Amino acid sequence: MNSPRLAGLFLGAALALGAAEPVAPAAPIASRPEDQSLARVVRAHVAFLGDDLLEGRGTGQRGHQVAALYAAAQFQRLGLKPAGDAGTYLQHADFIESTHTLDRGRFRFDPGAPTEALALAAPADVLVSPAPGETEIELSAPAVFVGYGIRAPDFNHDDLAGVDLKGRFAIVLSGAPPWLPSEPRAHYAATKAEVLATTGAVGIISLTTPRDGARYPWAFRINSSRFPAMRLIDADGKIYRGLPELRATAGVSQGAAQKIFSALGRNFDTTVAQAEARERVGFVLPGTFTLGAAATVKKASSANVLALLPGTDPALAGEPLVVTSHLDHIGIGPAVDGDTIYNGVMDNAMGSSILLTLAELFARGPAPRRPILFAALTGEEKGLLGAYQLARRPPTGAKRFAANLNVDMPLFLRPIRDVVGWGAEHTTLGDALKGAAARHGFGLHPDPLPDETLFVRSDQYPFIRDGVPALYLGVLFGEEENAFLKTRYHKPSDDLAQPIDWASAGAFVRLYNDLVRTVAEAPAAPAWRPGSFFRKQFAPDR
């Protein structure tokens, strides 16, 4: 892959932005010259952050360090206040990095005589991991199949009721049942391991359902598992949310899951259909399962890049609005068509560049009532780690965050004038987005990909778990965007050679600027809707 020339990028990133005031309704979108002006700035940042020089900006790797210094330099150029550690723009985080030796994974099911033992091949059929921070595991235990393995009291559903998992593997279906609404379904799937860790289970064996197998082909799962996994380390040296009770985990392909059920005289696909119909499908399995895995473990570190724009109202000084985009991608990995650099242009050099462009608009004034914290986050691709670090360790002077607005992987593959606000229905941020979209001629649409459960898969989720109202702003998905997910998402071809409609990026910044300013100018912080599922879970008193 040929890299574009880097000459002039830093100069290009400093282009004058034109009008810095909140944009008022004007001419039709296609004729607005400010979109082209903003697009040039976004494009300059993307051209640097997405270049081969940055080696895919892998968390804890050299390329991300370069990207972090670049973002810090841009914030410094704009005169924004450093909000990281010790008067710098960098908020450091320490990690445990585990690189799993996939072909050393071992999986054996011995149901007892007269049925023969079943061994699965790794990684062709199964992906096995030791607990975070552990280098090797060999563990044998009985097992219980518990359907999806979720507790959803708000929906009168509990797969674990009356089940004894102590000292046993919990065998579960991947994800959460499709009859749940998209965002609660995403939440229950994301927190499944945390719940199972409290039951006494020694590990999790997750069986890929036909639905998940279609969404994430096993070959994609294998390729993703070749990249290092990471977990945050607390100041006391313990792994944050490490769940050491779960000593081993395994992901099993759909085909291998069918083999396990066939050995028991059962049909896997029929069982999945019954679970999707809310039937209780759990049972105790005969015999024992043995899981083995190996990993190379080392410590690593990376940093969020934080810059503060003070507000004009002293009463709001301790409650900034935090505006986020993740700066990391997945780095260098297995070659695809001879290319090993996973540039992450759309995911998420684009979002980070929009963040930097937005910061420039606000730095040119006027200052809003409420302070704004601009945060280029690390470790999103490793489990939202930078967002968890920031949510639980706000900068000095921040008593709590008023709200979070996040942009991740907006796909400008064609002219885009339709946006989606994931989570808009849960808080009054939805009202602010509705007004901004109307003022700027954008269509506003509900979630076009409910099965992708995006609301818990990006950096707004750690803030939500801390009770902070949040919204994830993206674009409407059509044929081009769905093709991107299938052919370029988390692949080296998400690079600077793909088609990009830069004018759409400029128009998106204009809309986003209005949204952020609307929230930052309001005297009251955004609020959760009374009936919101996430308010009930995380912010009942807010």
Protein backbone atom coordinates (compact mmCIF):
# COMPACT_ATOMS: atom_id res chain seq x y z
CA MET A 1 0.00 0.00 0.00
CA ASN A 2 1.41 3.34 -1.05
CA SER A 3 1.40 6.10 1.55
CA PRO A 4 0.40 9.64 0.56
CA ARG A 5 3.05 12.28 0.98
CA LEU A 6 3.10 13.88 4.45
CA ALA A 7 4.45 17.25 3.40
CA GLY A 8 2.19 20.11 4.38
CA LEU A 9 -0.19 18.15 6.59
CA PHE A 10 0.52 20.07 9.78
CA LEU A 11 0.13 23.31 7.88
CA GLY A 12 -3.09 22.00 6.33
CA ALA A 13 -4.47 21.09 9.72
CA ALA A 14 -4.09 24.70 10.79
CA LEU A 15 -6.25 26.11 7.98
CA ALA A 16 -8.55 28.93 8.96
CA LEU A 17 -12.04 27.61 9.63
CA GLY A 18 -14.07 30.60 8.61
CA ALA A 19 -17.14 31.36 10.71
CA ALA A 20 -16.72 30.25 14.30
CA GLU A 21 -20.15 31.31 15.51
CA PRO A 22 -22.93 28.71 15.87
CA VAL A 23 -24.15 28.01 12.36
CA ALA A 24 -27.61 29.36 11.60
CA PRO A 25 -30.03 27.89 9.05
CA ALA A 26 -28.95 28.98 5.60
CA ALA A 27 -28.82 27.73 2.03
CA PRO A 28 -29.33 24.09 1.03
CA ILE A 29 -26.54 21.85 2.24
CA ALA A 30 -24.98 21.19 -1.15
CA SER A 31 -24.25 24.91 -1.72
CA ARG A 32 -22.62 25.72 1.61
CA PRO A 33 -18.97 26.73 1.21
CA GLU A 34 -18.29 26.31 4.94
CA ASP A 35 -18.67 22.55 4.48
CA GLN A 36 -15.74 22.53 2.09
CA SER A 37 -13.70 24.69 4.46
CA LEU A 38 -14.36 22.33 7.38
CA ALA A 39 -13.80 19.31 5.15
CA ARG A 40 -10.28 20.50 4.28
CA VAL A 41 -9.35 20.59 7.96
CA VAL A 42 -10.86 17.15 8.66
CA ARG A 43 -9.09 15.74 5.60
CA ALA A 44 -5.72 17.09 6.69
CA HIS A 45 -5.99 15.42 10.10
CA VAL A 46 -7.21 12.14 8.58
CA ALA A 47 -4.36 12.14 6.07
CA PHE A 48 -1.88 12.13 8.92
CA LEU A 49 -3.65 9.88 11.41
CA GLY A 50 -4.53 7.31 8.73
CA ASP A 51 -1.12 7.15 7.12
CA ASP A 52 1.04 4.00 7.13
CA LEU A 53 3.57 5.98 9.18
CA LEU A 54 1.28 5.56 12.22
CA GLU A 55 1.13 1.77 11.78
CA GLY A 56 -2.57 1.50 12.57
CA ARG A 57 -2.34 3.36 15.93
CA GLY A 58 -2.45 0.17 18.01
CA THR A 59 -3.05 0.73 21.73
CA GLY A 60 0.30 0.85 23.54
CA GLN A 61 2.22 0.84 20.27
CA ARG A 62 4.50 3.43 18.71
CA GLY A 63 1.94 4.56 16.12
CA HIS A 64 -0.61 5.47 18.76
CA GLN A 65 2.02 7.34 20.75
CA VAL A 66 2.71 9.44 17.65
CA ALA A 67 -1.02 10.03 17.19
CA ALA A 68 -1.40 11.06 20.84
CA LEU A 69 1.45 13.56 20.56
CA TYR A 70 -0.11 14.92 17.37
CA ALA A 71 -3.49 15.42 19.09
CA ALA A 72 -1.81 17.03 22.10
CA ALA A 73 0.10 19.39 19.81
CA GLN A 74 -3.13 20.42 18.09
CA PHE A 75 -4.81 21.14 21.44
CA GLN A 76 -1.78 23.15 22.54
CA ARG A 77 -1.81 25.11 19.28
CA LEU A 78 -5.44 26.02 19.93
CA GLY A 79 -4.67 27.31 23.42
CA LEU A 80 -6.86 24.75 25.19
CA LYS A 81 -5.93 23.90 28.77
CA PRO A 82 -4.12 20.62 29.41
CA ALA A 83 -6.35 18.29 31.46
CA GLY A 84 -4.14 15.21 31.73
CA ASP A 85 -1.55 14.16 34.28
CA ALA A 86 0.81 16.68 35.92
CA GLY A 87 -0.18 19.64 33.78
CA THR A 88 0.10 17.77 30.45
CA TYR A 89 -2.48 16.78 27.87
CA LEU A 90 -1.87 13.06 28.45
CA GLN A 91 -3.81 10.93 30.94
CA HIS A 92 -1.84 7.71 31.25
CA ALA A 93 -3.26 4.25 31.75
CA ASP A 94 -1.46 0.97 32.47
CA PHE A 95 -2.54 -2.35 31.01
CA ILE A 96 -1.92 -6.05 31.10
CA GLU A 97 -1.47 -7.20 27.50
CA SER A 98 -2.14 -10.86 26.69
CA THR A 99 -1.26 -12.39 23.33
CA HIS A 100 -2.99 -15.73 23.07
CA THR A 101 -1.27 -18.67 21.40
CA LEU A 102 -4.33 -19.73 19.49
CA ASP A 103 -3.09 -23.10 18.23
CA ARG A 104 -2.27 -24.16 21.81
CA GLY A 105 -5.90 -23.95 22.80
CA ARG A 106 -7.34 -27.29 23.95
CA PHE A 107 -10.97 -28.31 24.27
CA ARG A 108 -12.19 -31.78 25.20
CA PHE A 109 -15.64 -32.99 26.16
CA ASP A 110 -15.77 -36.42 27.80
CA PRO A 111 -19.45 -37.29 28.33
CA GLY A 112 -18.60 -40.72 29.73
CA ALA A 113 -19.19 -44.22 28.43
CA PRO A 114 -20.40 -45.33 26.01
CA THR A 115 -20.05 -42.01 24.13
CA GLU A 116 -16.56 -41.23 22.89
CA ALA A 117 -14.79 -38.05 23.96
CA LEU A 118 -15.03 -35.07 21.60
CA ALA A 119 -11.98 -32.88 20.98
CA LEU A 120 -12.23 -29.58 19.13
CA ALA A 121 -9.38 -28.14 17.08
CA ALA A 122 -8.04 -24.69 17.91
CA PRO A 123 -8.47 -22.20 16.36
CA ALA A 124 -10.52 -23.85 13.59
CA ASP A 125 -13.35 -24.82 15.97
CA VAL A 126 -12.63 -23.09 19.27
CA LEU A 127 -10.80 -20.11 20.78
CA VAL A 128 -9.66 -20.67 24.37
CA SER A 129 -8.25 -18.05 26.74
CA PRO A 130 -6.93 -18.09 30.31
CA ALA A 131 -8.09 -15.42 32.75
CA PRO A 132 -6.62 -11.96 32.04
CA GLY A 133 -3.01 -11.78 33.20
CA GLU A 134 -2.57 -15.56 33.35
CA THR A 135 -0.08 -17.30 31.07
CA GLU A 136 -1.47 -20.84 31.08
CA ILE A 137 -4.49 -22.82 32.19
CA GLU A 138 -5.53 -26.47 32.21
CA LEU A 139 -8.91 -26.89 33.84
CA SER A 140 -11.39 -29.76 34.00
CA ALA A 141 -14.89 -29.38 35.45
CA PRO A 142 -18.49 -30.42 34.91
CA ALA A 143 -20.78 -28.04 33.06
CA VAL A 144 -24.31 -26.70 32.89
CA PHE A 145 -25.98 -25.31 29.80
CA VAL A 146 -27.93 -22.17 30.80
CA GLY A 147 -29.32 -20.88 27.51
CA TYR A 148 -28.19 -17.29 26.99
CA GLY A 149 -27.00 -17.13 30.60
CA ILE A 150 -28.53 -13.74 31.36
CA ARG A 151 -30.55 -12.23 34.16
CA ALA A 152 -32.97 -9.61 32.88
CA PRO A 153 -35.25 -8.73 35.81
CA ASP A 154 -36.74 -5.78 33.94
CA PHE A 155 -38.09 -8.27 31.41
CA ASN A 156 -39.02 -11.04 33.87
CA HIS A 157 -36.32 -13.36 32.53
CA ASP A 158 -33.62 -15.28 34.41
CA ASP A 159 -31.70 -18.13 32.77
CA LEU A 160 -29.83 -18.73 36.03
CA ALA A 161 -32.78 -19.17 38.40
CA GLY A 162 -32.41 -22.36 40.41
CA VAL A 163 -29.14 -23.31 38.68
CA ASP A 164 -26.06 -24.39 40.64
CA LEU A 165 -22.93 -23.29 38.77
CA LYS A 166 -20.45 -23.52 41.61
CA GLY A 167 -17.30 -25.23 40.41
CA ARG A 168 -18.73 -25.74 36.92
CA PHE A 169 -18.40 -24.28 33.47
CA ALA A 170 -21.34 -22.16 32.36
CA ILE A 171 -22.18 -23.09 28.78
CA VAL A 172 -24.06 -20.23 27.16
CA LEU A 173 -25.38 -19.08 23.81
CA SER A 174 -23.50 -16.08 22.45
CA GLY A 175 -25.08 -12.65 22.83
CA ALA A 176 -28.56 -12.18 24.26
CA PRO A 177 -32.03 -13.23 23.07
CA PRO A 178 -33.36 -11.29 20.07
CA TRP A 179 -36.74 -10.68 21.69
CA LEU A 180 -35.12 -8.14 24.01
CA PRO A 181 -35.06 -4.51 22.80
CA SER A 182 -31.76 -3.70 21.13
CA GLU A 183 -30.09 -1.59 23.80
CA PRO A 184 -31.09 -3.67 26.85
CA ARG A 185 -30.08 -6.74 24.82
CA ALA A 186 -26.68 -5.17 24.25
CA HIS A 187 -26.30 -4.35 27.93
CA TYR A 188 -27.17 -7.85 29.11
CA ALA A 189 -24.77 -9.39 26.58
CA ALA A 190 -21.99 -7.00 27.61
CA THR A 191 -22.41 -7.73 31.33
CA LYS A 192 -23.00 -11.49 31.05
CA ALA A 193 -19.52 -12.45 32.27
CA GLU A 194 -19.82 -10.12 35.28
CA VAL A 195 -23.04 -11.84 36.34
CA LEU A 196 -21.69 -15.35 35.78
CA ALA A 197 -18.59 -14.54 37.83
CA THR A 198 -20.84 -14.09 40.88
CA THR A 199 -22.38 -17.56 40.55
CA GLY A 200 -19.30 -19.62 41.40
CA ALA A 201 -18.75 -20.70 37.78
CA VAL A 202 -15.10 -21.45 37.00
CA GLY A 203 -15.33 -20.48 33.35
CA ILE A 204 -17.56 -19.74 30.36
CA ILE A 205 -18.01 -21.73 27.17
CA SER A 206 -19.85 -19.55 24.65
CA LEU A 207 -21.55 -21.27 21.70
CA THR A 208 -21.91 -19.19 18.53
CA THR A 209 -25.54 -18.94 17.49
CA PRO A 210 -26.58 -18.94 13.81
CA ARG A 211 -27.48 -15.25 14.18
CA ASP A 212 -24.03 -14.30 15.51
CA GLY A 213 -22.28 -16.63 13.11
CA ALA A 214 -23.83 -14.74 10.21
CA ARG A 215 -22.86 -11.37 11.67
CA TYR A 216 -19.31 -12.31 12.63
CA PRO A 217 -17.90 -15.15 10.50
CA TRP A 218 -15.58 -17.47 12.40
CA ALA A 219 -12.63 -16.46 10.20
CA PHE A 220 -13.14 -12.86 11.36
CA ARG A 221 -13.19 -14.05 14.99
CA ILE A 222 -9.92 -15.93 14.50
CA ASN A 223 -8.23 -12.94 12.87
CA SER A 224 -9.41 -10.59 15.63
CA SER A 225 -8.08 -12.98 18.29
CA ARG A 226 -4.58 -12.77 16.85
CA PHE A 227 -4.32 -9.20 18.14
CA PRO A 228 -3.30 -8.72 21.80
CA ALA A 229 -6.05 -8.41 24.42
CA MET A 230 -5.74 -5.76 27.13
CA ARG A 231 -7.15 -4.97 30.55
CA LEU A 232 -6.71 -1.88 32.74
CA ILE A 233 -4.50 -2.13 35.82
CA ASP A 234 -5.54 -0.24 38.96
CA ALA A 235 -3.09 1.66 41.14
CA ASP A 236 -2.94 -1.34 43.49
CA GLY A 237 -1.79 -3.58 40.63
CA LYS A 238 -5.08 -5.44 40.30
CA ILE A 239 -6.78 -5.87 36.95
CA TYR A 240 -9.84 -3.63 36.65
CA ARG A 241 -12.90 -5.77 35.93
CA GLY A 242 -10.59 -8.74 35.48
CA LEU A 243 -13.04 -11.37 36.79
CA PRO A 244 -10.35 -13.81 38.05
CA GLU A 245 -13.11 -16.17 39.20
CA LEU A 246 -13.56 -17.14 35.55
CA ARG A 247 -10.32 -19.06 35.11
CA ALA A 248 -10.87 -20.00 31.47
CA THR A 249 -13.17 -18.99 28.65
CA ALA A 250 -13.86 -20.53 25.27
CA GLY A 251 -15.68 -19.37 22.19
CA VAL A 252 -17.00 -22.25 20.10
CA SER A 253 -17.92 -22.00 16.42
CA GLN A 254 -21.47 -22.73 15.30
CA GLY A 255 -20.42 -25.93 13.58
CA ALA A 256 -18.54 -27.18 16.66
CA ALA A 257 -21.52 -26.33 18.88
CA GLN A 258 -23.63 -28.57 16.68
CA LYS A 259 -21.09 -31.38 17.23
CA ILE A 260 -21.32 -31.01 21.03
CA PHE A 261 -25.11 -31.16 20.98
CA SER A 262 -25.08 -34.11 18.56
CA ALA A 263 -22.87 -36.02 21.02
CA LEU A 264 -25.68 -35.49 23.56
CA GLY A 265 -28.41 -36.58 21.18
CA ARG A 266 -29.73 -33.03 20.88
CA ASN A 267 -30.11 -30.55 18.03
CA PHE A 268 -28.29 -27.26 18.55
CA ASP A 269 -30.28 -25.17 16.07
CA THR A 270 -33.56 -26.39 17.56
CA THR A 271 -32.34 -25.49 21.05
CA VAL A 272 -31.37 -21.98 19.87
CA ALA A 273 -34.82 -21.52 18.32
CA GLN A 274 -36.44 -22.58 21.59
CA ALA A 275 -34.29 -20.13 23.57
CA GLU A 276 -35.20 -17.36 21.13
CA ALA A 277 -38.85 -18.20 21.79
CA ARG A 278 -38.29 -17.67 25.55
CA GLU A 279 -38.47 -21.37 26.36
CA ARG A 280 -36.30 -22.63 29.20
CA VAL A 281 -33.62 -24.82 27.63
CA GLY A 282 -30.98 -25.34 30.33
CA PHE A 283 -29.72 -28.73 31.48
CA VAL A 284 -26.82 -30.33 33.34
CA LEU A 285 -24.36 -32.00 30.98
CA PRO A 286 -22.87 -35.41 31.71
CA GLY A 287 -19.14 -35.91 32.18
CA THR A 288 -16.51 -33.19 32.16
CA PHE A 289 -15.06 -30.50 29.95
CA THR A 290 -11.34 -29.73 29.82
CA LEU A 291 -10.05 -26.37 28.63
CA GLY A 292 -6.42 -25.49 28.08
CA ALA A 293 -4.84 -22.27 26.87
CA ALA A 294 -1.58 -20.34 26.80
CA ALA A 295 -0.75 -16.66 26.49
CA THR A 296 2.24 -14.35 26.56
CA VAL A 297 1.69 -11.57 29.08
CA LYS A 298 3.41 -8.22 29.47
CA LYS A 299 2.66 -4.76 30.81
CA ALA A 300 1.86 -1.89 28.48
CA SER A 301 0.73 1.70 28.74
CA SER A 302 -1.07 4.26 26.65
CA ALA A 303 -2.73 7.62 27.14
CA ASN A 304 -5.92 9.55 26.63
CA VAL A 305 -5.41 13.06 25.26
CA LEU A 306 -7.45 15.60 27.22
CA ALA A 307 -7.97 19.31 26.68
CA LEU A 308 -10.34 21.65 28.50
CA LEU A 309 -12.16 24.70 27.20
CA PRO A 310 -13.33 26.64 30.30
CA GLY A 311 -16.90 27.88 30.32
CA THR A 312 -18.16 31.33 31.21
CA ASP A 313 -20.51 30.33 34.05
CA PRO A 314 -18.62 29.70 37.34
CA ALA A 315 -21.56 27.70 38.67
CA LEU A 316 -21.03 25.09 35.95
CA ALA A 317 -17.24 24.89 36.20
CA GLY A 318 -17.23 21.52 37.96
CA GLU A 319 -19.54 19.77 35.50
CA PRO A 320 -17.98 19.75 32.03
CA LEU A 321 -19.52 18.27 28.94
CA VAL A 322 -17.11 15.57 27.73
CA VAL A 323 -16.82 15.16 23.95
CA THR A 324 -15.08 11.96 22.88
CA SER A 325 -13.68 10.00 19.96
CA HIS A 326 -11.22 7.14 20.14
CA LEU A 327 -7.81 7.74 18.62
CA ASP A 328 -6.63 4.11 18.61
CA HIS A 329 -7.15 1.35 16.09
CA ILE A 330 -5.78 -2.21 16.06
CA GLY A 331 -2.26 -1.68 14.70
CA ILE A 332 -0.24 -4.19 12.69
CA GLY A 333 -1.67 -7.65 12.19
CA PRO A 334 -2.03 -10.64 9.90
CA ALA A 335 -1.54 -9.80 6.25
CA VAL A 336 -4.60 -9.38 4.05
CA ASP A 337 -3.74 -9.20 0.35
CA GLY A 338 -0.14 -8.52 1.40
CA ASP A 339 -1.00 -5.55 3.66
CA THR A 340 -0.33 -5.79 7.41
CA ILE A 341 -1.19 -2.22 8.48
CA TYR A 342 -4.75 -1.82 9.74
CA ASN A 343 -4.91 1.95 9.21
CA GLY A 344 -8.37 2.53 10.66
CA VAL A 345 -9.20 5.57 8.55
CA MET A 346 -12.93 5.42 9.15
CA ASP A 347 -12.45 3.61 12.49
CA ASN A 348 -11.54 6.04 13.87
CA ALA A 349 -9.11 8.50 12.33
CA MET A 350 -12.24 10.13 10.93
CA GLY A 351 -13.94 10.55 14.31
CA SER A 352 -10.73 11.79 15.94
CA SER A 353 -10.23 14.31 13.14
CA ILE A 354 -13.77 15.57 13.61
CA LEU A 355 -13.01 15.98 17.32
CA LEU A 356 -9.89 18.05 16.54
CA THR A 357 -11.79 20.17 14.03
CA LEU A 358 -14.60 20.74 16.51
CA ALA A 359 -12.06 21.78 19.14
CA GLU A 360 -10.71 24.37 16.71
CA LEU A 361 -14.16 25.82 16.11
CA PHE A 362 -14.74 26.22 19.85
CA ALA A 363 -11.24 27.54 20.54
CA ARG A 364 -11.96 30.40 18.12
CA GLY A 365 -14.91 31.36 20.32
CA PRO A 366 -17.14 32.39 21.75
CA ALA A 367 -16.74 30.28 24.88
CA PRO A 368 -19.92 28.48 25.99
CA ARG A 369 -21.45 28.63 29.48
CA ARG A 370 -20.42 25.09 30.36
CA PRO A 371 -16.81 23.85 30.12
CA ILE A 372 -16.06 21.29 27.43
CA LEU A 373 -13.53 18.50 27.85
CA PHE A 374 -12.24 17.28 24.48
CA ALA A 375 -11.02 13.69 24.87
CA ALA A 376 -9.18 11.66 22.23
CA LEU A 377 -9.41 8.28 23.92
CA THR A 378 -7.18 5.23 23.82
CA GLY A 379 -8.01 1.53 24.06
CA GLU A 380 -11.51 1.60 22.60
CA GLU A 381 -10.62 -1.36 20.43
CA LYS A 382 -9.46 -3.27 23.53
CA GLY A 383 -12.72 -2.93 25.45
CA LEU A 384 -13.37 0.82 25.88
CA LEU A 385 -10.41 1.00 28.27
CA GLY A 386 -9.55 4.69 27.85
CA ALA A 387 -13.19 5.63 28.40
CA TYR A 388 -13.31 3.57 31.59
CA GLN A 389 -10.12 5.29 32.75
CA LEU A 390 -11.55 8.76 32.14
CA ALA A 391 -15.03 8.00 33.50
CA ARG A 392 -13.64 6.84 36.83
CA ARG A 393 -10.79 9.38 36.98
CA PRO A 394 -12.07 12.76 35.82
CA PRO A 395 -9.58 15.63 35.55
CA THR A 396 -8.85 17.76 38.58
CA GLY A 397 -11.73 20.14 39.24
CA ALA A 398 -14.38 18.03 37.54
CA LYS A 399 -16.92 16.94 40.15
CA ARG A 400 -18.90 14.96 37.59
CA PHE A 401 -19.54 14.96 33.86
CA ALA A 402 -22.72 16.69 32.75
CA ALA A 403 -23.03 14.50 29.65
CA ASN A 404 -21.03 12.66 27.01
CA LEU A 405 -21.25 13.13 23.25
CA ASN A 406 -19.32 10.54 21.27
CA VAL A 407 -18.46 10.05 17.58
CA ASP A 408 -17.08 6.74 16.36
CA MET A 409 -16.62 5.53 12.78
CA PRO A 410 -18.90 7.89 10.84
CA LEU A 411 -18.82 6.44 7.32
CA PHE A 412 -18.68 9.14 4.65
CA LEU A 413 -18.60 6.77 1.70
CA ARG A 414 -21.20 8.77 -0.25
CA PRO A 415 -23.06 12.08 0.22
CA ILE A 416 -24.52 11.81 3.73
CA ARG A 417 -27.31 14.01 5.04
CA ASP A 418 -28.94 11.56 7.45
CA VAL A 419 -27.74 10.90 10.98
CA VAL A 420 -28.51 8.50 13.83
CA GLY A 421 -28.31 9.34 17.51
CA TRP A 422 -27.79 6.07 19.35
CA GLY A 423 -29.32 6.51 22.79
CA ALA A 424 -31.28 9.62 21.80
CA GLU A 425 -34.51 8.28 23.28
CA HIS A 426 -32.95 7.77 26.71
CA THR A 427 -32.06 11.39 27.56
CA THR A 428 -32.86 14.99 26.71
CA LEU A 429 -29.79 14.93 24.46
CA GLY A 430 -32.21 13.52 21.91
CA ASP A 431 -34.13 16.81 21.94
CA ALA A 432 -30.93 18.77 21.35
CA LEU A 433 -30.01 16.53 18.42
CA LYS A 434 -33.48 16.81 16.92
CA GLY A 435 -33.23 20.60 16.94
CA ALA A 436 -29.71 20.69 15.50
CA ALA A 437 -30.61 18.23 12.74
CA ALA A 438 -33.62 20.32 11.76
CA ARG A 439 -31.62 23.55 11.69
CA HIS A 440 -29.01 22.04 9.38
CA GLY A 441 -31.22 20.07 7.06
CA PHE A 442 -30.24 16.60 8.28
CA GLY A 443 -32.64 13.71 8.47
CA LEU A 444 -32.74 12.02 11.89
CA HIS A 445 -33.35 8.27 11.96
CA PRO A 446 -33.76 5.49 14.51
CA ASP A 447 -31.13 2.78 14.93
CA PRO A 448 -30.70 1.10 11.51
CA LEU A 449 -28.63 -1.79 12.95
CA PRO A 450 -30.33 -2.94 16.14
CA ASP A 451 -28.63 -6.34 15.98
CA GLU A 452 -25.20 -4.67 16.09
CA THR A 453 -25.93 -3.32 19.62
CA LEU A 454 -23.75 -0.27 18.95
CA PHE A 455 -24.88 1.69 22.00
CA VAL A 456 -22.71 -0.44 24.32
CA ARG A 457 -19.87 -1.02 21.84
CA SER A 458 -18.30 2.42 21.87
CA ASP A 459 -16.89 4.89 24.36
CA GLN A 460 -20.18 6.31 25.62
CA TYR A 461 -20.93 3.07 27.49
CA PRO A 462 -18.47 3.53 30.42
CA PHE A 463 -19.96 6.97 31.00
CA ILE A 464 -23.48 5.52 30.90
CA ARG A 465 -22.42 2.93 33.48
CA ASP A 466 -21.33 5.84 35.66
CA GLY A 467 -24.78 7.42 35.35
CA VAL A 468 -23.81 10.08 32.78
CA PRO A 469 -26.36 10.88 30.04
CA ALA A 470 -24.74 10.07 26.70
CA LEU A 471 -25.36 10.00 22.98
CA TYR A 472 -23.40 8.36 20.16
CA LEU A 473 -23.72 10.32 16.91
CA GLY A 474 -23.26 8.54 13.60
CA VAL A 475 -24.64 8.34 10.09
CA LEU A 476 -27.44 6.33 8.53
CA PHE A 477 -26.35 2.98 7.10
CA GLY A 478 -27.20 1.93 3.54
CA GLU A 479 -25.72 -0.45 0.99
CA GLU A 480 -22.28 1.19 0.93
CA GLU A 481 -22.00 1.21 4.71
CA ASN A 482 -23.11 -2.39 5.06
CA ALA A 483 -20.58 -3.38 2.39
CA PHE A 484 -17.88 -1.59 4.41
CA LEU A 485 -18.76 -3.67 7.49
CA LYS A 486 -18.44 -6.86 5.47
CA THR A 487 -15.29 -6.07 3.48
CA ARG A 488 -13.21 -3.33 5.15
CA TYR A 489 -14.15 -3.09 8.84
CA HIS A 490 -11.08 -4.01 10.94
CA LYS A 491 -9.14 -4.83 7.80
CA PRO A 492 -6.14 -3.10 6.16
CA SER A 493 -8.44 -1.83 3.39
CA ASP A 494 -9.95 0.71 5.80
CA ASP A 495 -7.29 3.07 4.47
CA LEU A 496 -6.83 6.34 2.61
CA ALA A 497 -7.41 4.71 -0.78
CA GLN A 498 -11.13 4.09 -0.18
CA PRO A 499 -13.74 6.56 -1.49
CA ILE A 500 -14.52 9.35 0.98
CA ASP A 501 -17.09 12.12 0.54
CA TRP A 502 -15.25 14.91 2.34
CA ALA A 503 -18.03 17.48 1.95
CA SER A 504 -20.25 15.20 4.04
CA ALA A 505 -17.59 15.21 6.75
CA GLY A 506 -17.64 19.02 6.71
CA ALA A 507 -21.43 19.14 6.94
CA PHE A 508 -21.34 16.63 9.80
CA VAL A 509 -18.92 18.86 11.72
CA ARG A 510 -21.25 21.81 11.23
CA LEU A 511 -24.16 19.81 12.67
CA TYR A 512 -22.02 18.43 15.50
CA ASN A 513 -20.78 21.92 16.38
CA ASP A 514 -24.37 23.09 16.77
CA LEU A 515 -25.28 20.07 18.91
CA VAL A 516 -22.31 20.48 21.24
CA ARG A 517 -22.85 24.21 21.58
CA THR A 518 -26.56 23.74 22.30
CA VAL A 519 -25.75 21.37 25.16
CA ALA A 520 -22.89 23.50 26.47
CA GLU A 521 -24.95 26.70 26.45
CA ALA A 522 -27.91 25.24 28.32
CA PRO A 523 -28.11 26.27 32.00
CA ALA A 524 -29.25 22.78 33.03
CA ALA A 525 -27.36 19.56 32.38
CA PRO A 526 -28.96 16.93 30.15
CA ALA A 527 -31.25 14.54 32.00
CA TRP A 528 -32.29 10.92 31.73
CA ARG A 529 -35.84 10.17 30.64
CA PRO A 530 -37.82 8.86 33.65
CA GLY A 531 -38.55 5.50 32.02
CA SER A 532 -35.10 4.92 30.51
CA PHE A 533 -33.73 1.41 30.97
CA PHE A 534 -30.23 2.80 31.55
CA ARG A 535 -31.44 5.34 34.10
CA LYS A 536 -32.97 2.50 36.10
CA GLN A 537 -29.75 0.51 35.84
CA PHE A 538 -27.16 3.20 36.57
CA ALA A 539 -28.68 6.55 37.55
CA PRO A 540 -31.86 6.09 39.59
CA ASP A 541 -31.12 9.19 41.67
CA ARG A 542 -29.73 11.45 38.94
